[in-house]
PDB file of N, CA and C in Angstrom:
ATOM      1  N   MET A   1       0.825  -1.193   0.000  1.00  0.00           N
ATOM      2  CA  MET A   1       0.000   0.000   0.000  1.00  0.00           C
ATOM      3  C   MET A   1       0.869   1.255   0.000  1.00  0.00           C
ATOM      4  N   ASN A   2       1.929   1.264   0.762  1.00  0.00           N
ATOM      5  CA  ASN A   2       2.818   2.422   0.812  1.00  0.00           C
ATOM      6  C   ASN A   2       3.443   2.701  -0.544  1.00  0.00           C
ATOM      7  N   ASN A   3       3.806   1.649  -1.276  1.00  0.00           N
ATOM      8  CA  ASN A   3       4.399   1.823  -2.598  1.00  0.00           C
ATOM      9  C   ASN A   3       3.426   2.481  -3.562  1.00  0.00           C
ATOM     10  N   ILE A   4       2.147   2.158  -3.449  1.00  0.00           N
ATOM     11  CA  ILE A   4       1.140   2.752  -4.315  1.00  0.00           C
ATOM     12  C   ILE A   4       1.027   4.246  -4.028  1.00  0.00           C
ATOM     13  N   ARG A   5       1.004   4.617  -2.767  1.00  0.00           N
ATOM     14  CA  ARG A   5       0.898   6.028  -2.394  1.00  0.00           C
ATOM     15  C   ARG A   5       2.140   6.794  -2.825  1.00  0.00           C
ATOM     16  N   THR A   6       3.304   6.225  -2.641  1.00  0.00           N
ATOM     17  CA  THR A   6       4.546   6.871  -3.044  1.00  0.00           C
ATOM     18  C   THR A   6       4.564   7.064  -4.549  1.00  0.00           C
ATOM     19  N   SER A   7       4.137   6.069  -5.295  1.00  0.00           N
ATOM     20  CA  SER A   7       4.092   6.158  -6.748  1.00  0.00           C
ATOM     21  C   SER A   7       3.137   7.265  -7.189  1.00  0.00           C
ATOM     22  N   SER A   8       1.987   7.379  -6.551  1.00  0.00           N
ATOM     23  CA  SER A   8       1.015   8.424  -6.877  1.00  0.00           C
ATOM     24  C   SER A   8       1.588   9.799  -6.600  1.00  0.00           C
ATOM     25  N   ILE A   9       2.283   9.937  -5.502  1.00  0.00           N
ATOM     26  CA  ILE A   9       2.889  11.216  -5.143  1.00  0.00           C
ATOM     27  C   ILE A   9       3.975  11.566  -6.146  1.00  0.00           C
ATOM     28  N   GLN A  10       4.797  10.595  -6.527  1.00  0.00           N
ATOM     29  CA  GLN A  10       5.870  10.852  -7.483  1.00  0.00           C
ATOM     30  C   GLN A  10       5.320  11.319  -8.823  1.00  0.00           C
ATOM     31  N   LYS A  11       4.177  10.829  -9.233  1.00  0.00           N
ATOM     32  CA  LYS A  11       3.581  11.247 -10.492  1.00  0.00           C
ATOM     33  C   LYS A  11       3.041  12.676 -10.393  1.00  0.00           C
ATOM     34  N   GLU A  12       2.673  13.096  -9.196  1.00  0.00           N
ATOM     35  CA  GLU A  12       2.120  14.432  -8.989  1.00  0.00           C
ATOM     36  C   GLU A  12       3.217  15.491  -8.876  1.00  0.00           C
ATOM     37  N   ILE A  13       4.397  15.106  -8.430  1.00  0.00           N
ATOM     38  CA  ILE A  13       5.491  16.048  -8.223  1.00  0.00           C
ATOM     39  C   ILE A  13       6.437  15.988  -9.419  1.00  0.00           C
ATOM     40  N   LEU A  14       6.737  17.170  -9.987  1.00  0.00           N
ATOM     41  CA  LEU A  14       7.619  17.249 -11.147  1.00  0.00           C
ATOM     42  C   LEU A  14       8.874  18.043 -10.814  1.00  0.00           C
ATOM     43  N   THR A  15       9.982  17.653 -11.377  1.00  0.00           N
ATOM     44  CA  THR A  15      11.234  18.401 -11.231  1.00  0.00           C
ATOM     45  C   THR A  15      11.281  19.478 -12.322  1.00  0.00           C
ATOM     46  N   THR A  16      12.273  20.363 -12.234  1.00  0.00           N
ATOM     47  CA  THR A  16      12.427  21.380 -13.274  1.00  0.00           C
ATOM     48  C   THR A  16      12.649  20.711 -14.632  1.00  0.00           C
ATOM     49  N   SER A  17      13.415  19.646 -14.663  1.00  0.00           N
ATOM     50  CA  SER A  17      13.657  18.924 -15.919  1.00  0.00           C
ATOM     51  C   SER A  17      12.366  18.338 -16.481  1.00  0.00           C
ATOM     52  N   ASP A  18      11.524  17.802 -15.609  1.00  0.00           N
ATOM     53  CA  ASP A  18      10.244  17.254 -16.046  1.00  0.00           C
ATOM     54  C   ASP A  18       9.384  18.331 -16.702  1.00  0.00           C
ATOM     55  N   VAL A  19       9.315  19.500 -16.068  1.00  0.00           N
ATOM     56  CA  VAL A  19       8.490  20.599 -16.577  1.00  0.00           C
ATOM     57  C   VAL A  19       9.057  21.118 -17.891  1.00  0.00           C
ATOM     58  N   MET A  20      10.383  21.250 -17.959  1.00  0.00           N
ATOM     59  CA  MET A  20      11.009  21.711 -19.199  1.00  0.00           C
ATOM     60  C   MET A  20      10.694  20.752 -20.346  1.00  0.00           C
ATOM     61  N   GLU A  21      10.750  19.469 -20.089  1.00  0.00           N
ATOM     62  CA  GLU A  21      10.454  18.477 -21.119  1.00  0.00           C
ATOM     63  C   GLU A  21       8.966  18.491 -21.471  1.00  0.00           C
ATOM     64  N   LEU A  22       8.122  18.545 -20.469  1.00  0.00           N
ATOM     65  CA  LEU A  22       6.679  18.538 -20.678  1.00  0.00           C
ATOM     66  C   LEU A  22       6.223  19.720 -21.529  1.00  0.00           C
ATOM     67  N   LEU A  23       6.753  20.906 -21.223  1.00  0.00           N
ATOM     68  CA  LEU A  23       6.340  22.120 -21.921  1.00  0.00           C
ATOM     69  C   LEU A  23       7.231  22.457 -23.112  1.00  0.00           C
ATOM     70  N   ASP A  24       8.311  21.706 -23.284  1.00  0.00           N
ATOM     71  CA  ASP A  24       9.287  21.936 -24.344  1.00  0.00           C
ATOM     72  C   ASP A  24       9.819  23.370 -24.283  1.00  0.00           C
ATOM     73  N   ILE A  25      10.329  23.729 -23.093  1.00  0.00           N
ATOM     74  CA  ILE A  25      10.895  25.059 -22.876  1.00  0.00           C
ATOM     75  C   ILE A  25      12.294  24.928 -22.284  1.00  0.00           C
ATOM     76  N   SER A  26      13.051  26.008 -22.377  1.00  0.00           N
ATOM     77  CA  SER A  26      14.407  26.017 -21.823  1.00  0.00           C
ATOM     78  C   SER A  26      14.353  26.326 -20.326  1.00  0.00           C
ATOM     79  N   ARG A  27      15.469  26.112 -19.663  1.00  0.00           N
ATOM     80  CA  ARG A  27      15.581  26.427 -18.243  1.00  0.00           C
ATOM     81  C   ARG A  27      15.362  27.929 -18.030  1.00  0.00           C
ATOM     82  N   THR A  28      15.912  28.746 -18.928  1.00  0.00           N
ATOM     83  CA  THR A  28      15.752  30.200 -18.825  1.00  0.00           C
ATOM     84  C   THR A  28      14.280  30.585 -18.888  1.00  0.00           C
ATOM     85  N   THR A  29      13.553  30.019 -19.842  1.00  0.00           N
ATOM     86  CA  THR A  29      12.121  30.309 -19.973  1.00  0.00           C
ATOM     87  C   THR A  29      11.367  29.858 -18.740  1.00  0.00           C
ATOM     88  N   LEU A  30      11.716  28.706 -18.206  1.00  0.00           N
ATOM     89  CA  LEU A  30      11.060  28.208 -16.992  1.00  0.00           C
ATOM     90  C   LEU A  30      11.252  29.199 -15.846  1.00  0.00           C
ATOM     91  N   TYR A  31      12.481  29.664 -15.637  1.00  0.00           N
ATOM     92  CA  TYR A  31      12.742  30.603 -14.547  1.00  0.00           C
ATOM     93  C   TYR A  31      12.083  31.953 -14.798  1.00  0.00           C
ATOM     94  N   GLN A  32      11.989  32.372 -16.058  1.00  0.00           N
ATOM     95  CA  GLN A  32      11.283  33.617 -16.375  1.00  0.00           C
ATOM     96  C   GLN A  32       9.811  33.500 -16.009  1.00  0.00           C
ATOM     97  N   ARG A  33       9.210  32.381 -16.317  1.00  0.00           N
ATOM     98  CA  ARG A  33       7.798  32.157 -15.991  1.00  0.00           C
ATOM     99  C   ARG A  33       7.588  32.062 -14.491  1.00  0.00           C
ATOM    100  N   MET A  34       8.578  31.544 -13.779  1.00  0.00           N
ATOM    101  CA  MET A  34       8.486  31.502 -12.315  1.00  0.00           C
ATOM    102  C   MET A  34       8.555  32.923 -11.752  1.00  0.00           C
ATOM    103  N   ARG A  35       9.501  33.735 -12.238  1.00  0.00           N
ATOM    104  CA  ARG A  35       9.628  35.110 -11.760  1.00  0.00           C
ATOM    105  C   ARG A  35       8.370  35.932 -12.045  1.00  0.00           C
ATOM    106  N   ALA A  36       7.725  35.638 -13.178  1.00  0.00           N
ATOM    107  CA  ALA A  36       6.507  36.356 -13.564  1.00  0.00           C
ATOM    108  C   ALA A  36       5.282  35.856 -12.794  1.00  0.00           C
ATOM    109  N   GLY A  37       5.449  34.775 -12.037  1.00  0.00           N
ATOM    110  CA  GLY A  37       4.344  34.228 -11.255  1.00  0.00           C
ATOM    111  C   GLY A  37       3.421  33.333 -12.062  1.00  0.00           C
ATOM    112  N   ILE A  38       3.824  32.997 -13.274  1.00  0.00           N
ATOM    113  CA  ILE A  38       3.015  32.134 -14.133  1.00  0.00           C
ATOM    114  C   ILE A  38       3.098  30.685 -13.663  1.00  0.00           C
ATOM    115  N   LEU A  39       4.290  30.271 -13.275  1.00  0.00           N
ATOM    116  CA  LEU A  39       4.518  28.943 -12.712  1.00  0.00           C
ATOM    117  C   LEU A  39       5.048  29.100 -11.293  1.00  0.00           C
ATOM    118  N   VAL A  40       4.564  28.247 -10.414  1.00  0.00           N
ATOM    119  CA  VAL A  40       4.993  28.314  -9.015  1.00  0.00           C
ATOM    120  C   VAL A  40       5.762  27.047  -8.668  1.00  0.00           C
ATOM    121  N   GLY A  41       7.019  27.234  -8.286  1.00  0.00           N
ATOM    122  CA  GLY A  41       7.849  26.116  -7.860  1.00  0.00           C
ATOM    123  C   GLY A  41       7.993  26.126  -6.347  1.00  0.00           C
ATOM    124  N   HIS A  42       8.284  24.979  -5.796  1.00  0.00           N
ATOM    125  CA  HIS A  42       8.451  24.833  -4.345  1.00  0.00           C
ATOM    126  C   HIS A  42       9.838  24.268  -4.079  1.00  0.00           C
ATOM    127  N   LYS A  43      10.624  24.991  -3.282  1.00  0.00           N
ATOM    128  CA  LYS A  43      11.980  24.542  -2.962  1.00  0.00           C
ATOM    129  C   LYS A  43      11.946  23.525  -1.837  1.00  0.00           C
ATOM    130  N   LEU A  44      12.710  22.484  -2.027  1.00  0.00           N
ATOM    131  CA  LEU A  44      12.845  21.452  -1.011  1.00  0.00           C
ATOM    132  C   LEU A  44      14.240  20.870  -1.145  1.00  0.00           C
ATOM    133  N   GLY A  45      15.047  21.053  -0.141  1.00  0.00           N
ATOM    134  CA  GLY A  45      16.396  20.506  -0.157  1.00  0.00           C
ATOM    135  C   GLY A  45      17.260  21.061  -1.277  1.00  0.00           C
ATOM    136  N   GLY A  46      17.071  22.330  -1.608  1.00  0.00           N
ATOM    137  CA  GLY A  46      17.878  22.954  -2.638  1.00  0.00           C
ATOM    138  C   GLY A  46      17.412  22.681  -4.061  1.00  0.00           C
ATOM    139  N   ARG A  47      16.332  21.936  -4.208  1.00  0.00           N
ATOM    140  CA  ARG A  47      15.776  21.641  -5.535  1.00  0.00           C
ATOM    141  C   ARG A  47      14.399  22.276  -5.640  1.00  0.00           C
ATOM    142  N   ILE A  48      13.954  22.502  -6.863  1.00  0.00           N
ATOM    143  CA  ILE A  48      12.645  23.089  -7.089  1.00  0.00           C
ATOM    144  C   ILE A  48      11.730  22.023  -7.688  1.00  0.00           C
ATOM    145  N   TYR A  49      10.541  21.930  -7.125  1.00  0.00           N
ATOM    146  CA  TYR A  49       9.544  20.967  -7.579  1.00  0.00           C
ATOM    147  C   TYR A  49       8.251  21.688  -7.927  1.00  0.00           C
ATOM    148  N   PHE A  50       7.460  21.063  -8.788  1.00  0.00           N
ATOM    149  CA  PHE A  50       6.200  21.627  -9.234  1.00  0.00           C
ATOM    150  C   PHE A  50       5.111  20.572  -9.086  1.00  0.00           C
ATOM    151  N   TYR A  51       3.896  21.033  -8.819  1.00  0.00           N
ATOM    152  CA  TYR A  51       2.758  20.122  -8.793  1.00  0.00           C
ATOM    153  C   TYR A  51       2.232  19.969 -10.212  1.00  0.00           C
ATOM    154  N   ARG A  52       2.086  18.731 -10.644  1.00  0.00           N
ATOM    155  CA  ARG A  52       1.559  18.447 -11.978  1.00  0.00           C
ATOM    156  C   ARG A  52       0.185  19.109 -12.143  1.00  0.00           C
ATOM    157  N   SER A  53      -0.630  19.076 -11.109  1.00  0.00           N
ATOM    158  CA  SER A  53      -1.968  19.662 -11.192  1.00  0.00           C
ATOM    159  C   SER A  53      -1.903  21.177 -11.437  1.00  0.00           C
ATOM    160  N   ALA A  54      -0.893  21.853 -10.883  1.00  0.00           N
ATOM    161  CA  ALA A  54      -0.743  23.297 -11.101  1.00  0.00           C
ATOM    162  C   ALA A  54      -0.323  23.585 -12.538  1.00  0.00           C
ATOM    163  N   ILE A  55       0.526  22.736 -13.099  1.00  0.00           N
ATOM    164  CA  ILE A  55       0.946  22.894 -14.494  1.00  0.00           C
ATOM    165  C   ILE A  55      -0.270  22.668 -15.401  1.00  0.00           C
ATOM    166  N   LYS A  56      -1.030  21.623 -15.103  1.00  0.00           N
ATOM    167  CA  LYS A  56      -2.221  21.306 -15.885  1.00  0.00           C
ATOM    168  C   LYS A  56      -3.224  22.459 -15.831  1.00  0.00           C
ATOM    169  N   GLU A  57      -3.416  23.007 -14.647  1.00  0.00           N
ATOM    170  CA  GLU A  57      -4.350  24.125 -14.469  1.00  0.00           C
ATOM    171  C   GLU A  57      -3.894  25.356 -15.268  1.00  0.00           C
ATOM    172  N   ALA A  58      -2.606  25.651 -15.236  1.00  0.00           N
ATOM    173  CA  ALA A  58      -2.074  26.794 -15.986  1.00  0.00           C
ATOM    174  C   ALA A  58      -2.273  26.587 -17.491  1.00  0.00           C
ATOM    175  N   LEU A  59      -2.109  25.355 -17.952  1.00  0.00           N
ATOM    176  CA  LEU A  59      -2.335  25.042 -19.362  1.00  0.00           C
ATOM    177  C   LEU A  59      -3.809  25.237 -19.727  1.00  0.00           C
ATOM    178  N   GLU A  60      -4.697  24.734 -18.864  1.00  0.00           N
ATOM    179  CA  GLU A  60      -6.133  24.830 -19.126  1.00  0.00           C
ATOM    180  C   GLU A  60      -6.618  26.276 -19.132  1.00  0.00           C
ATOM    181  N   LYS A  61      -6.032  27.107 -18.284  1.00  0.00           N
ATOM    182  CA  LYS A  61      -6.433  28.511 -18.205  1.00  0.00           C
ATOM    183  C   LYS A  61      -5.760  29.370 -19.259  1.00  0.00           C
ATOM    184  N   GLY A  62      -4.857  28.765 -20.039  1.00  0.00           N
ATOM    185  CA  GLY A  62      -4.186  29.492 -21.106  1.00  0.00           C
ATOM    186  C   GLY A  62      -3.049  30.385 -20.623  1.00  0.00           C
ATOM    187  N   LYS A  63      -2.618  30.205 -19.372  1.00  0.00           N
ATOM    188  CA  LYS A  63      -1.500  30.994 -18.845  1.00  0.00           C
ATOM    189  C   LYS A  63      -0.186  30.596 -19.510  1.00  0.00           C
ATOM    190  N   ILE A  64      -0.087  29.322 -19.879  1.00  0.00           N
ATOM    191  CA  ILE A  64       1.091  28.808 -20.561  1.00  0.00           C
ATOM    192  C   ILE A  64       0.633  27.933 -21.715  1.00  0.00           C
ATOM    193  N   THR A  65       1.524  27.714 -22.656  1.00  0.00           N
ATOM    194  CA  THR A  65       1.226  26.832 -23.782  1.00  0.00           C
ATOM    195  C   THR A  65       2.349  25.834 -23.931  1.00  0.00           C
ATOM    196  N   MET A  66       2.037  24.734 -24.551  1.00  0.00           N
ATOM    197  CA  MET A  66       3.063  23.745 -24.855  1.00  0.00           C
ATOM    198  C   MET A  66       3.624  24.087 -26.214  1.00  0.00           C
ATOM    199  N   SER A  67       4.943  24.105 -26.335  1.00  0.00           N
ATOM    200  CA  SER A  67       5.590  24.438 -27.617  1.00  0.00           C
ATOM    201  C   SER A  67       5.438  23.328 -28.613  1.00  0.00           C
TER     202      SER A  67
END
C-alpha cells in the first residue's frame, strides 16, 4: 500500500527537468515564468519541484502553452 501512495505522489510532483520536457521550454524560460508568477515552484532541499496539477491548471487557463 505504501508503494502505491509513493508512486502516486511521485507522479504528482515534477522536477524542473520534467516541466522543461513537458512544456518543451528552456531552463531560462522556466525561470522567467516563475519570476513572472506564471509557474509556481516549491523549494525542497535545494531543488525546485512543481505540482503536476498546477501545471495542468495553468495550461487549461491558457496561462502557458506547450511548444
